[in-house]
Amino acid sequence: MATKSWQVGPKGGKYYVDAHGEKKYGDDALKSARQDMQHSKLQAVKAGGAKDAAARVATMSKLTQAKAMPKVAQLEPKPKPTLGAVEQAKAEPAPKPPSNEKAVGAIAPETARRLPKGKTPEEHVTIARDFLAGHKKDLDANVEAIRKLAPENGKTKGRAKELESALEKVAKKHEAANAKGAETKYKTVADLQDGTGIRVIAHSIDDVKATVDRIKATHKVLEEEDFISKAHPTSPGYRSHHLIVQMPGGKIAEVQVRTENQNTFADWAHQVYKPSPVQDLVLTSPNAKKNLEEYSRQMAEHFYSLDSGKKSTPPPCPQEAKRAFGCIS
């Protein structure tokens, strides 16, 4: 006869081997264990007196219950074990690295998406804030340095570029380089040359030229674009003299020198040539854009004549400008 005992199967399941050597599982195992216990009671009665038998059966009953019941309970379905830290890390997908698809701080989502991918949005923001903070700190001193070179009757003002504006410019420069299949030199805001912008408003063309000459004589000029002597490539009629200057404290600044009339024209042209829903609404006819560009060119010539001390009559304002932007006055 087989030994009665609880056994563990190859898959970890518990079963009971009864007095006949048969394996019992689940409820059958509990039933078989109870039957064996009853059988032991009868054997005890036959083997000795009732008093001794009762003591032996009581002891055996306690041992059987202590051994059988917990193990039968273990046969019930076990709850799914909780994954440990290692297993959970394997089961869960790895976190994605930071991307430029998400807005961070002051960055709009669209701007963040278009920034150069060499840095995370957080890194772009940190670099930009540090860079612009230095320009804000030195702004007053740099504006004053240029003001001393401006005409007595002129106006000089400056600004440190704002964070969102700086990041948007880097994004545009990056896109423009990609469109040409070239590598952008503007990888972060720290590569911009107009963190500080200074504008000098002069009375005449002669005053503009004199101011530019004084700046070039006292400062290191890194780049120069004369849009007074030649037309601007993308904004017909725009006239201004641009200088990229290294200031005494080491900061790089863009200095624009123009007349009051040229500044008025620049403000008007900015809203005309900068893409916008209003522009799309106005430029519906094939000749609309052509009419606006011709008006811009004629107005620029008109202002140039006035700034040069000549008499001039302004051109008629087209209907497209009257409806949306207004005429230059």
C-alpha atoms as a PDB file:
ATOM      1  CA  MET A   1       0.000   0.000   0.000  1.00  0.00           C
ATOM      2  CA  ALA A   2       1.313   3.442  -0.967  1.00  0.00           C
ATOM      3  CA  THR A   3       2.284   5.951   1.702  1.00  0.00           C
ATOM      4  CA  LYS A   4      -0.349   8.587   2.364  1.00  0.00           C
ATOM      5  CA  SER A   5       1.095  12.058   1.954  1.00  0.00           C
ATOM      6  CA  TRP A   6       0.829  15.371   0.149  1.00  0.00           C
ATOM      7  CA  GLN A   7       2.974  15.652  -2.956  1.00  0.00           C
ATOM      8  CA  VAL A   8       3.956  18.442  -5.356  1.00  0.00           C
ATOM      9  CA  GLY A   9       3.465  17.917  -9.072  1.00  0.00           C
ATOM     10  CA  PRO A  10       5.943  18.916 -11.826  1.00  0.00           C
ATOM     11  CA  LYS A  11       4.027  22.178 -12.375  1.00  0.00           C
ATOM     12  CA  GLY A  12       3.821  23.058  -8.700  1.00  0.00           C
ATOM     13  CA  GLY A  13       0.307  21.684  -8.087  1.00  0.00           C
ATOM     14  CA  LYS A  14      -0.491  19.879  -4.780  1.00  0.00           C
ATOM     15  CA  TYR A  15      -2.113  16.433  -4.729  1.00  0.00           C
ATOM     16  CA  TYR A  16      -2.860  13.776  -2.070  1.00  0.00           C
ATOM     17  CA  VAL A  17      -1.865  10.100  -2.327  1.00  0.00           C
ATOM     18  CA  ASP A  18      -4.578   8.118  -0.566  1.00  0.00           C
ATOM     19  CA  ALA A  19      -4.406   4.743   1.142  1.00  0.00           C
ATOM     20  CA  HIS A  20      -4.880   2.982  -2.181  1.00  0.00           C
ATOM     21  CA  GLY A  21      -1.978   4.787  -3.837  1.00  0.00           C
ATOM     22  CA  GLU A  22      -4.207   6.990  -6.018  1.00  0.00           C
ATOM     23  CA  LYS A  23      -3.568  10.693  -6.607  1.00  0.00           C
ATOM     24  CA  LYS A  24      -6.334  13.021  -5.544  1.00  0.00           C
ATOM     25  CA  TYR A  25      -6.647  16.656  -6.551  1.00  0.00           C
ATOM     26  CA  GLY A  26      -8.739  19.569  -5.316  1.00  0.00           C
ATOM     27  CA  ASP A  27     -11.935  18.599  -3.456  1.00  0.00           C
ATOM     28  CA  ASP A  28     -11.208  14.913  -4.029  1.00  0.00           C
ATOM     29  CA  ALA A  29      -7.926  15.291  -2.130  1.00  0.00           C
ATOM     30  CA  LEU A  30      -9.747  16.786   0.873  1.00  0.00           C
ATOM     31  CA  LYS A  31     -12.380  14.043   0.747  1.00  0.00           C
ATOM     32  CA  SER A  32      -9.729  11.327   0.543  1.00  0.00           C
ATOM     33  CA  ALA A  33      -7.824  12.815   3.503  1.00  0.00           C
ATOM     34  CA  ARG A  34     -10.993  12.801   5.622  1.00  0.00           C
ATOM     35  CA  GLN A  35     -11.743   9.194   4.664  1.00  0.00           C
ATOM     36  CA  ASP A  36      -8.237   8.171   5.680  1.00  0.00           C
ATOM     37  CA  MET A  37      -8.735   9.935   8.993  1.00  0.00           C
ATOM     38  CA  GLN A  38     -11.959   7.965   9.618  1.00  0.00           C
ATOM     39  CA  HIS A  39     -10.176   4.762   8.669  1.00  0.00           C
ATOM     40  CA  SER A  40      -7.420   5.582  11.195  1.00  0.00           C
ATOM     41  CA  LYS A  41     -10.065   6.017  13.915  1.00  0.00           C
ATOM     42  CA  LEU A  42     -11.413   2.504  13.266  1.00  0.00           C
ATOM     43  CA  GLN A  43      -7.944   1.000  13.271  1.00  0.00           C
ATOM     44  CA  ALA A  44      -7.191   2.685  16.588  1.00  0.00           C
ATOM     45  CA  VAL A  45     -10.352   1.295  18.178  1.00  0.00           C
ATOM     46  CA  LYS A  46      -9.473  -2.209  17.042  1.00  0.00           C
ATOM     47  CA  ALA A  47      -5.851  -1.926  18.178  1.00  0.00           C
ATOM     48  CA  GLY A  48      -6.505  -0.777  21.764  1.00  0.00           C
ATOM     49  CA  GLY A  49      -9.023   0.300  24.298  1.00  0.00           C
ATOM     50  CA  ALA A  50     -11.605   2.945  23.647  1.00  0.00           C
ATOM     51  CA  LYS A  51      -9.919   5.436  25.989  1.00  0.00           C
ATOM     52  CA  ASP A  52      -6.486   5.048  24.426  1.00  0.00           C
ATOM     53  CA  ALA A  53      -8.037   4.922  20.959  1.00  0.00           C
ATOM     54  CA  ALA A  54      -9.903   8.168  21.567  1.00  0.00           C
ATOM     55  CA  ALA A  55      -6.690   9.874  22.630  1.00  0.00           C
ATOM     56  CA  ARG A  56      -4.801   8.547  19.634  1.00  0.00           C
ATOM     57  CA  VAL A  57      -7.607   9.481  17.199  1.00  0.00           C
ATOM     58  CA  ALA A  58      -7.891  12.985  18.685  1.00  0.00           C
ATOM     59  CA  THR A  59      -4.176  13.521  18.247  1.00  0.00           C
ATOM     60  CA  MET A  60      -4.250  12.102  14.726  1.00  0.00           C
ATOM     61  CA  SER A  61      -7.282  14.232  13.858  1.00  0.00           C
ATOM     62  CA  LYS A  62      -5.479  17.409  14.877  1.00  0.00           C
ATOM     63  CA  LEU A  63      -2.386  16.454  12.898  1.00  0.00           C
ATOM     64  CA  THR A  64      -4.438  15.516   9.857  1.00  0.00           C
ATOM     65  CA  GLN A  65      -6.425  18.741   9.921  1.00  0.00           C
ATOM     66  CA  ALA A  66      -3.306  20.833  10.464  1.00  0.00           C
ATOM     67  CA  LYS A  67      -1.590  19.114   7.569  1.00  0.00           C
ATOM     68  CA  ALA A  68      -4.469  18.559   5.192  1.00  0.00           C
ATOM     69  CA  MET A  69      -6.552  21.716   5.357  1.00  0.00           C
ATOM     70  CA  PRO A  70      -3.896  24.342   4.617  1.00  0.00           C
ATOM     71  CA  LYS A  71      -2.499  22.327   1.747  1.00  0.00           C
ATOM     72  CA  VAL A  72      -5.935  21.757   0.226  1.00  0.00           C
ATOM     73  CA  ALA A  73      -6.554  25.493   0.460  1.00  0.00           C
ATOM     74  CA  GLN A  74      -3.367  26.057  -1.538  1.00  0.00           C
ATOM     75  CA  LEU A  75      -4.898  24.126  -4.403  1.00  0.00           C
ATOM     76  CA  GLU A  76      -7.308  26.989  -5.052  1.00  0.00           C
ATOM     77  CA  PRO A  77      -6.349  29.367  -7.903  1.00  0.00           C
ATOM     78  CA  LYS A  78      -3.599  31.714  -6.808  1.00  0.00           C
ATOM     79  CA  PRO A  79      -3.826  35.445  -7.457  1.00  0.00           C
ATOM     80  CA  LYS A  80      -1.499  36.694 -10.171  1.00  0.00           C
ATOM     81  CA  PRO A  81       1.732  37.676  -8.441  1.00  0.00           C
ATOM     82  CA  THR A  82       2.681  41.334  -8.515  1.00  0.00           C
ATOM     83  CA  LEU A  83       5.608  42.054 -10.766  1.00  0.00           C
ATOM     84  CA  GLY A  84       8.798  42.979  -9.035  1.00  0.00           C
ATOM     85  CA  ALA A  85      10.718  46.109  -9.929  1.00  0.00           C
ATOM     86  CA  VAL A  86      12.919  44.314 -12.459  1.00  0.00           C
ATOM     87  CA  GLU A  87      10.057  42.403 -14.104  1.00  0.00           C
ATOM     88  CA  GLN A  88       7.913  45.544 -14.212  1.00  0.00           C
ATOM     89  CA  ALA A  89      10.684  47.480 -15.896  1.00  0.00           C
ATOM     90  CA  LYS A  90      10.937  44.751 -18.534  1.00  0.00           C
ATOM     91  CA  ALA A  91       7.181  44.581 -19.058  1.00  0.00           C
ATOM     92  CA  GLU A  92       6.624  48.325 -19.387  1.00  0.00           C
ATOM     93  CA  PRO A  93       7.775  50.116 -22.561  1.00  0.00           C
ATOM     94  CA  ALA A  94      10.922  52.162 -22.121  1.00  0.00           C
ATOM     95  CA  PRO A  95      10.262  55.899 -21.761  1.00  0.00           C
ATOM     96  CA  LYS A  96      10.799  57.846 -24.962  1.00  0.00           C
ATOM     97  CA  PRO A  97      13.711  60.288 -25.011  1.00  0.00           C
ATOM     98  CA  PRO A  98      12.805  63.996 -24.939  1.00  0.00           C
ATOM     99  CA  SER A  99      11.623  65.217 -28.325  1.00  0.00           C
ATOM    100  CA  ASN A 100      10.866  68.594 -29.836  1.00  0.00           C
ATOM    101  CA  GLU A 101       7.188  67.775 -30.218  1.00  0.00           C
ATOM    102  CA  LYS A 102       6.217  69.085 -26.797  1.00  0.00           C
ATOM    103  CA  ALA A 103       6.017  72.662 -25.683  1.00  0.00           C
ATOM    104  CA  VAL A 104       8.321  73.658 -22.857  1.00  0.00           C
ATOM    105  CA  GLY A 105       7.858  76.823 -20.860  1.00  0.00           C
ATOM    106  CA  ALA A 106       7.376  79.717 -23.247  1.00  0.00           C
ATOM    107  CA  ILE A 107       7.867  77.658 -26.414  1.00  0.00           C
ATOM    108  CA  ALA A 108       4.798  77.120 -28.533  1.00  0.00           C
ATOM    109  CA  PRO A 109       4.398  73.479 -29.689  1.00  0.00           C
ATOM    110  CA  GLU A 110       4.848  74.464 -33.328  1.00  0.00           C
ATOM    111  CA  THR A 111       8.077  76.319 -32.557  1.00  0.00           C
ATOM    112  CA  ALA A 112       9.446  73.456 -30.445  1.00  0.00           C
ATOM    113  CA  ARG A 113       8.784  70.986 -33.267  1.00  0.00           C
ATOM    114  CA  ARG A 114      10.788  73.059 -35.764  1.00  0.00           C
ATOM    115  CA  LEU A 115      13.857  73.757 -33.641  1.00  0.00           C
ATOM    116  CA  PRO A 116      17.176  72.084 -34.558  1.00  0.00           C
ATOM    117  CA  LYS A 117      17.128  68.518 -33.227  1.00  0.00           C
ATOM    118  CA  GLY A 118      20.612  68.618 -31.717  1.00  0.00           C
ATOM    119  CA  LYS A 119      19.168  69.923 -28.444  1.00  0.00           C
ATOM    120  CA  THR A 120      16.077  69.097 -26.412  1.00  0.00           C
ATOM    121  CA  PRO A 121      13.470  71.857 -25.924  1.00  0.00           C
ATOM    122  CA  GLU A 122      14.636  72.212 -22.323  1.00  0.00           C
ATOM    123  CA  GLU A 123      18.210  72.771 -23.473  1.00  0.00           C
ATOM    124  CA  HIS A 124      17.098  75.299 -26.091  1.00  0.00           C
ATOM    125  CA  VAL A 125      15.207  77.254 -23.434  1.00  0.00           C
ATOM    126  CA  THR A 126      18.095  77.211 -20.961  1.00  0.00           C
ATOM    127  CA  ILE A 127      20.600  78.409 -23.558  1.00  0.00           C
ATOM    128  CA  ALA A 128      18.226  81.098 -24.818  1.00  0.00           C
ATOM    129  CA  ARG A 129      17.430  82.460 -21.369  1.00  0.00           C
ATOM    130  CA  ASP A 130      21.083  82.682 -20.366  1.00  0.00           C
ATOM    131  CA  PHE A 131      22.005  84.323 -23.664  1.00  0.00           C
ATOM    132  CA  LEU A 132      19.183  86.879 -23.606  1.00  0.00           C
ATOM    133  CA  ALA A 133      19.718  87.674 -19.922  1.00  0.00           C
ATOM    134  CA  GLY A 134      23.215  88.915 -20.757  1.00  0.00           C
ATOM    135  CA  HIS A 135      21.858  91.110 -23.543  1.00  0.00           C
ATOM    136  CA  LYS A 136      19.228  92.610 -21.249  1.00  0.00           C
ATOM    137  CA  LYS A 137      21.877  93.339 -18.644  1.00  0.00           C
ATOM    138  CA  ASP A 138      24.070  95.272 -21.118  1.00  0.00           C
ATOM    139  CA  LEU A 139      21.235  96.849 -23.122  1.00  0.00           C
ATOM    140  CA  ASP A 140      21.268 100.357 -21.644  1.00  0.00           C
ATOM    141  CA  ALA A 141      25.048 100.698 -21.938  1.00  0.00           C
ATOM    142  CA  ASN A 142      25.047  99.478 -25.571  1.00  0.00           C
ATOM    143  CA  VAL A 143      22.195 101.765 -26.598  1.00  0.00           C
ATOM    144  CA  GLU A 144      23.969 104.715 -24.990  1.00  0.00           C
ATOM    145  CA  ALA A 145      27.186 103.882 -26.869  1.00  0.00           C
ATOM    146  CA  ILE A 146      25.328 104.123 -30.209  1.00  0.00           C
ATOM    147  CA  ARG A 147      23.289 107.161 -29.141  1.00  0.00           C
ATOM    148  CA  LYS A 148      26.516 109.142 -28.779  1.00  0.00           C
ATOM    149  CA  LEU A 149      27.195 108.507 -32.475  1.00  0.00           C
ATOM    150  CA  ALA A 150      23.699 109.439 -33.710  1.00  0.00           C
ATOM    151  CA  PRO A 151      22.696 112.900 -34.990  1.00  0.00           C
ATOM    152  CA  GLU A 152      21.640 115.428 -32.362  1.00  0.00           C
ATOM    153  CA  ASN A 153      18.133 115.603 -33.824  1.00  0.00           C
ATOM    154  CA  GLY A 154      17.882 111.828 -34.175  1.00  0.00           C
ATOM    155  CA  LYS A 155      16.252 109.142 -32.046  1.00  0.00           C
ATOM    156  CA  THR A 156      17.952 106.044 -30.698  1.00  0.00           C
ATOM    157  CA  LYS A 157      16.193 103.117 -29.088  1.00  0.00           C
ATOM    158  CA  GLY A 158      16.997  99.496 -28.402  1.00  0.00           C
ATOM    159  CA  ARG A 159      15.616  96.199 -27.218  1.00  0.00           C
ATOM    160  CA  ALA A 160      16.789  92.781 -26.104  1.00  0.00           C
ATOM    161  CA  LYS A 161      15.127  90.024 -28.087  1.00  0.00           C
ATOM    162  CA  GLU A 162      12.309  88.138 -26.335  1.00  0.00           C
ATOM    163  CA  LEU A 163      12.550  84.403 -25.708  1.00  0.00           C
ATOM    164  CA  GLU A 164       9.755  83.226 -28.024  1.00  0.00           C
ATOM    165  CA  SER A 165      10.860  85.571 -30.803  1.00  0.00           C
ATOM    166  CA  ALA A 166      14.456  84.343 -30.562  1.00  0.00           C
ATOM    167  CA  LEU A 167      13.453  80.662 -30.650  1.00  0.00           C
ATOM    168  CA  GLU A 168      11.114  81.259 -33.582  1.00  0.00           C
ATOM    169  CA  LYS A 169      13.915  82.941 -35.532  1.00  0.00           C
ATOM    170  CA  VAL A 170      16.242  79.975 -34.923  1.00  0.00           C
ATOM    171  CA  ALA A 171      13.472  77.654 -36.149  1.00  0.00           C
ATOM    172  CA  LYS A 172      13.008  79.716 -39.333  1.00  0.00           C
ATOM    173  CA  LYS A 173      16.732  79.850 -40.044  1.00  0.00           C
ATOM    174  CA  HIS A 174      16.952  76.095 -39.508  1.00  0.00           C
ATOM    175  CA  GLU A 175      14.068  75.454 -41.915  1.00  0.00           C
ATOM    176  CA  ALA A 176      15.512  77.781 -44.544  1.00  0.00           C
ATOM    177  CA  ALA A 177      18.844  75.971 -44.434  1.00  0.00           C
ATOM    178  CA  ASN A 178      17.145  72.569 -44.682  1.00  0.00           C
ATOM    179  CA  ALA A 179      15.151  73.726 -47.711  1.00  0.00           C
ATOM    180  CA  LYS A 180      18.443  74.501 -49.456  1.00  0.00           C
ATOM    181  CA  GLY A 181      20.039  71.261 -48.316  1.00  0.00           C
ATOM    182  CA  ALA A 182      22.576  73.200 -46.255  1.00  0.00           C
ATOM    183  CA  GLU A 183      23.580  72.987 -42.621  1.00  0.00           C
ATOM    184  CA  THR A 184      22.276  75.858 -40.535  1.00  0.00           C
ATOM    185  CA  LYS A 185      24.727  78.013 -38.630  1.00  0.00           C
ATOM    186  CA  TYR A 186      21.957  78.895 -36.182  1.00  0.00           C
ATOM    187  CA  LYS A 187      21.894  75.811 -33.981  1.00  0.00           C
ATOM    188  CA  THR A 188      20.727  77.649 -30.842  1.00  0.00           C
ATOM    189  CA  VAL A 189      19.662  81.166 -29.852  1.00  0.00           C
ATOM    190  CA  ALA A 190      23.277  81.835 -28.820  1.00  0.00           C
ATOM    191  CA  ASP A 191      24.163  81.879 -32.543  1.00  0.00           C
ATOM    192  CA  LEU A 192      21.858  84.828 -33.276  1.00  0.00           C
ATOM    193  CA  GLN A 193      23.434  88.186 -34.019  1.00  0.00           C
ATOM    194  CA  ASP A 194      20.491  90.339 -32.991  1.00  0.00           C
ATOM    195  CA  GLY A 195      20.088  89.453 -29.335  1.00  0.00           C
ATOM    196  CA  THR A 196      20.402  93.207 -28.970  1.00  0.00           C
ATOM    197  CA  GLY A 197      18.706  95.399 -31.562  1.00  0.00           C
ATOM    198  CA  ILE A 198      19.417  99.129 -31.798  1.00  0.00           C
ATOM    199  CA  ARG A 199      17.697 101.521 -34.194  1.00  0.00           C
ATOM    200  CA  VAL A 200      18.777 105.038 -35.054  1.00  0.00           C
ATOM    201  CA  ILE A 201      16.214 107.329 -36.695  1.00  0.00           C
ATOM    202  CA  ALA A 202      17.909 110.159 -38.585  1.00  0.00           C
ATOM    203  CA  HIS A 203      16.516 113.243 -40.308  1.00  0.00           C
ATOM    204  CA  SER A 204      18.007 112.785 -43.763  1.00  0.00           C
ATOM    205  CA  ILE A 205      19.970 110.420 -46.001  1.00  0.00           C
ATOM    206  CA  ASP A 206      23.123 112.424 -45.262  1.00  0.00           C
ATOM    207  CA  ASP A 207      22.566 111.944 -41.524  1.00  0.00           C
ATOM    208  CA  VAL A 208      22.193 108.189 -42.059  1.00  0.00           C
ATOM    209  CA  LYS A 209      25.481 107.991 -43.944  1.00  0.00           C
ATOM    210  CA  ALA A 210      27.310 110.090 -41.356  1.00  0.00           C
ATOM    211  CA  THR A 211      26.022 107.926 -38.508  1.00  0.00           C
ATOM    212  CA  VAL A 212      27.070 104.725 -40.269  1.00  0.00           C
ATOM    213  CA  ASP A 213      30.559 106.143 -40.851  1.00  0.00           C
ATOM    214  CA  ARG A 214      30.954 107.019 -37.157  1.00  0.00           C
ATOM    215  CA  ILE A 215      29.835 103.544 -36.065  1.00  0.00           C
ATOM    216  CA  LYS A 216      32.280 101.870 -38.438  1.00  0.00           C
ATOM    217  CA  ALA A 217      35.088 104.117 -37.187  1.00  0.00           C
ATOM    218  CA  THR A 218      34.529 103.286 -33.499  1.00  0.00           C
ATOM    219  CA  HIS A 219      33.228  99.697 -33.486  1.00  0.00           C
ATOM    220  CA  LYS A 220      34.153  96.387 -35.039  1.00  0.00           C
ATOM    221  CA  VAL A 221      31.595  95.761 -37.789  1.00  0.00           C
ATOM    222  CA  LEU A 222      31.131  92.065 -38.550  1.00  0.00           C
ATOM    223  CA  GLU A 223      28.538  92.394 -41.326  1.00  0.00           C
ATOM    224  CA  GLU A 224      26.979  95.239 -43.279  1.00  0.00           C
ATOM    225  CA  GLU A 225      23.952  95.472 -45.593  1.00  0.00           C
ATOM    226  CA  ASP A 226      23.066  98.703 -47.325  1.00  0.00           C
ATOM    227  CA  PHE A 227      19.383  98.574 -48.307  1.00  0.00           C
ATOM    228  CA  ILE A 228      19.330 102.297 -49.003  1.00  0.00           C
ATOM    229  CA  SER A 229      21.609 102.136 -52.039  1.00  0.00           C
ATOM    230  CA  LYS A 230      20.151  98.820 -53.245  1.00  0.00           C
ATOM    231  CA  ALA A 231      16.716  97.204 -53.005  1.00  0.00           C
ATOM    232  CA  HIS A 232      15.861  94.677 -50.310  1.00  0.00           C
ATOM    233  CA  PRO A 233      15.553  91.172 -51.851  1.00  0.00           C
ATOM    234  CA  THR A 234      12.196  90.243 -50.289  1.00  0.00           C
ATOM    235  CA  SER A 235      10.512  93.544 -49.346  1.00  0.00           C
ATOM    236  CA  PRO A 236      10.284  95.925 -52.322  1.00  0.00           C
ATOM    237  CA  GLY A 237      10.846  99.522 -51.275  1.00  0.00           C
ATOM    238  CA  TYR A 238      12.339  98.745 -47.854  1.00  0.00           C
ATOM    239  CA  ARG A 239      15.289 101.044 -47.153  1.00  0.00           C
ATOM    240  CA  SER A 240      17.621 100.879 -44.154  1.00  0.00           C
ATOM    241  CA  HIS A 241      21.316 100.453 -43.374  1.00  0.00           C
ATOM    242  CA  HIS A 242      22.033  97.343 -41.270  1.00  0.00           C
ATOM    243  CA  LEU A 243      25.226  96.736 -39.297  1.00  0.00           C
ATOM    244  CA  ILE A 244      26.222  93.738 -37.160  1.00  0.00           C
ATOM    245  CA  VAL A 245      28.446  95.308 -34.531  1.00  0.00           C
ATOM    246  CA  GLN A 246      30.558  93.996 -31.679  1.00  0.00           C
ATOM    247  CA  MET A 247      29.854  96.217 -28.692  1.00  0.00           C
ATOM    248  CA  PRO A 248      32.483  97.263 -26.108  1.00  0.00           C
ATOM    249  CA  GLY A 249      31.300  94.655 -23.580  1.00  0.00           C
ATOM    250  CA  GLY A 250      31.616  91.875 -26.162  1.00  0.00           C
ATOM    251  CA  LYS A 251      27.912  91.490 -27.055  1.00  0.00           C
ATOM    252  CA  ILE A 252      26.920  91.322 -30.730  1.00  0.00           C
ATOM    253  CA  ALA A 253      24.189  93.772 -31.757  1.00  0.00           C
ATOM    254  CA  GLU A 254      22.288  94.574 -34.914  1.00  0.00           C
ATOM    255  CA  VAL A 255      22.186  98.320 -35.554  1.00  0.00           C
ATOM    256  CA  GLN A 256      19.689  99.731 -38.067  1.00  0.00           C
ATOM    257  CA  VAL A 257      20.033 103.284 -39.275  1.00  0.00           C
ATOM    258  CA  ARG A 258      17.226 104.880 -41.326  1.00  0.00           C
ATOM    259  CA  THR A 259      15.214 108.053 -41.769  1.00  0.00           C
ATOM    260  CA  GLU A 260      11.843 108.792 -40.196  1.00  0.00           C
ATOM    261  CA  ASN A 261      10.134 108.277 -43.558  1.00  0.00           C
ATOM    262  CA  GLN A 262      11.932 104.991 -44.099  1.00  0.00           C
ATOM    263  CA  ASN A 263      10.866 103.859 -40.632  1.00  0.00           C
ATOM    264  CA  THR A 264       7.232 104.718 -41.447  1.00  0.00           C
ATOM    265  CA  PHE A 265       7.493 102.707 -44.640  1.00  0.00           C
ATOM    266  CA  ALA A 266       9.110  99.748 -42.813  1.00  0.00           C
ATOM    267  CA  ASP A 267       6.249  99.589 -40.300  1.00  0.00           C
ATOM    268  CA  TRP A 268       3.710  99.567 -43.152  1.00  0.00           C
ATOM    269  CA  ALA A 269       5.645  97.045 -45.258  1.00  0.00           C
ATOM    270  CA  HIS A 270       5.967  94.665 -42.320  1.00  0.00           C
ATOM    271  CA  GLN A 271       2.217  94.079 -42.202  1.00  0.00           C
ATOM    272  CA  VAL A 272       1.969  93.887 -45.988  1.00  0.00           C
ATOM    273  CA  TYR A 273       4.695  91.338 -46.659  1.00  0.00           C
ATOM    274  CA  LYS A 274       4.490  89.252 -43.527  1.00  0.00           C
ATOM    275  CA  PRO A 275       2.172  86.279 -44.296  1.00  0.00           C
ATOM    276  CA  SER A 276      -1.145  86.585 -42.502  1.00  0.00           C
ATOM    277  CA  PRO A 277      -4.851  85.726 -42.927  1.00  0.00           C
ATOM    278  CA  VAL A 278      -5.494  89.377 -43.796  1.00  0.00           C
ATOM    279  CA  GLN A 279      -2.946  89.253 -46.590  1.00  0.00           C
ATOM    280  CA  ASP A 280      -4.488  86.060 -47.979  1.00  0.00           C
ATOM    281  CA  LEU A 281      -7.913  87.711 -47.916  1.00  0.00           C
ATOM    282  CA  VAL A 282      -6.758  90.827 -49.725  1.00  0.00           C
ATOM    283  CA  LEU A 283      -4.525  89.210 -52.340  1.00  0.00           C
ATOM    284  CA  THR A 284      -7.359  87.358 -54.058  1.00  0.00           C
ATOM    285  CA  SER A 285      -7.082  88.844 -57.531  1.00  0.00           C
ATOM    286  CA  PRO A 286      -4.095  88.060 -59.791  1.00  0.00           C
ATOM    287  CA  ASN A 287      -3.053  91.715 -59.863  1.00  0.00           C
ATOM    288  CA  ALA A 288      -3.482  92.447 -56.142  1.00  0.00           C
ATOM    289  CA  LYS A 289       0.063  91.554 -55.097  1.00  0.00           C
ATOM    290  CA  LYS A 290       1.510  93.252 -58.151  1.00  0.00           C
ATOM    291  CA  ASN A 291      -0.400  96.455 -57.362  1.00  0.00           C
ATOM    292  CA  LEU A 292       0.796  96.462 -53.764  1.00  0.00           C
ATOM    293  CA  GLU A 293       4.428  95.889 -54.739  1.00  0.00           C
ATOM    294  CA  GLU A 294       4.287  98.677 -57.301  1.00  0.00           C
ATOM    295  CA  TYR A 295       2.767 101.033 -54.752  1.00  0.00           C
ATOM    296  CA  SER A 296       5.513 100.057 -52.290  1.00  0.00           C
ATOM    297  CA  ARG A 297       8.244 100.782 -54.793  1.00  0.00           C
ATOM    298  CA  GLN A 298       6.752 104.163 -55.737  1.00  0.00           C
ATOM    299  CA  MET A 299       6.285 105.187 -52.101  1.00  0.00           C
ATOM    300  CA  ALA A 300       9.894 104.216 -51.302  1.00  0.00           C
ATOM    301  CA  GLU A 301      11.118 106.397 -54.164  1.00  0.00           C
ATOM    302  CA  HIS A 302       8.866 109.212 -52.977  1.00  0.00           C
ATOM    303  CA  PHE A 303      10.320 109.036 -49.436  1.00  0.00           C
ATOM    304  CA  TYR A 304      13.879 108.773 -50.756  1.00  0.00           C
ATOM    305  CA  SER A 305      13.371 111.987 -52.739  1.00  0.00           C
ATOM    306  CA  LEU A 306      11.993 113.789 -49.685  1.00  0.00           C
ATOM    307  CA  ASP A 307      14.866 112.550 -47.494  1.00  0.00           C
ATOM    308  CA  SER A 308      17.321 113.756 -50.118  1.00  0.00           C
ATOM    309  CA  GLY A 309      15.842 117.285 -50.001  1.00  0.00           C
ATOM    310  CA  LYS A 310      13.863 116.992 -53.212  1.00  0.00           C
ATOM    311  CA  LYS A 311      10.202 117.685 -53.854  1.00  0.00           C
ATOM    312  CA  SER A 312       7.965 114.707 -54.625  1.00  0.00           C
ATOM    313  CA  THR A 313       4.295 113.782 -54.979  1.00  0.00           C
ATOM    314  CA  PRO A 314       3.063 110.518 -53.405  1.00  0.00           C
ATOM    315  CA  PRO A 315       1.595 107.881 -55.774  1.00  0.00           C
ATOM    316  CA  PRO A 316      -2.104 106.928 -55.677  1.00  0.00           C
ATOM    317  CA  CYS A 317      -2.972 104.255 -53.104  1.00  0.00           C
ATOM    318  CA  PRO A 318      -4.450 101.019 -54.599  1.00  0.00           C
ATOM    319  CA  GLN A 319      -7.775  99.622 -53.421  1.00  0.00           C
ATOM    320  CA  GLU A 320      -6.075  96.515 -51.982  1.00  0.00           C
ATOM    321  CA  ALA A 321      -4.131  98.659 -49.500  1.00  0.00           C
ATOM    322  CA  LYS A 322      -7.159 100.808 -48.641  1.00  0.00           C
ATOM    323  CA  ARG A 323      -9.282  97.763 -47.809  1.00  0.00           C
ATOM    324  CA  ALA A 324      -6.856  96.016 -45.468  1.00  0.00           C
ATOM    325  CA  PHE A 325      -3.664  97.864 -44.578  1.00  0.00           C
ATOM    326  CA  GLY A 326      -4.396 101.496 -45.224  1.00  0.00           C
ATOM    327  CA  CYS A 327      -2.251 103.859 -47.227  1.00  0.00           C
ATOM    328  CA  ILE A 328       1.164 105.135 -46.167  1.00  0.00           C
ATOM    329  CA  SER A 329       0.941 108.631 -44.761  1.00  0.00           C
END
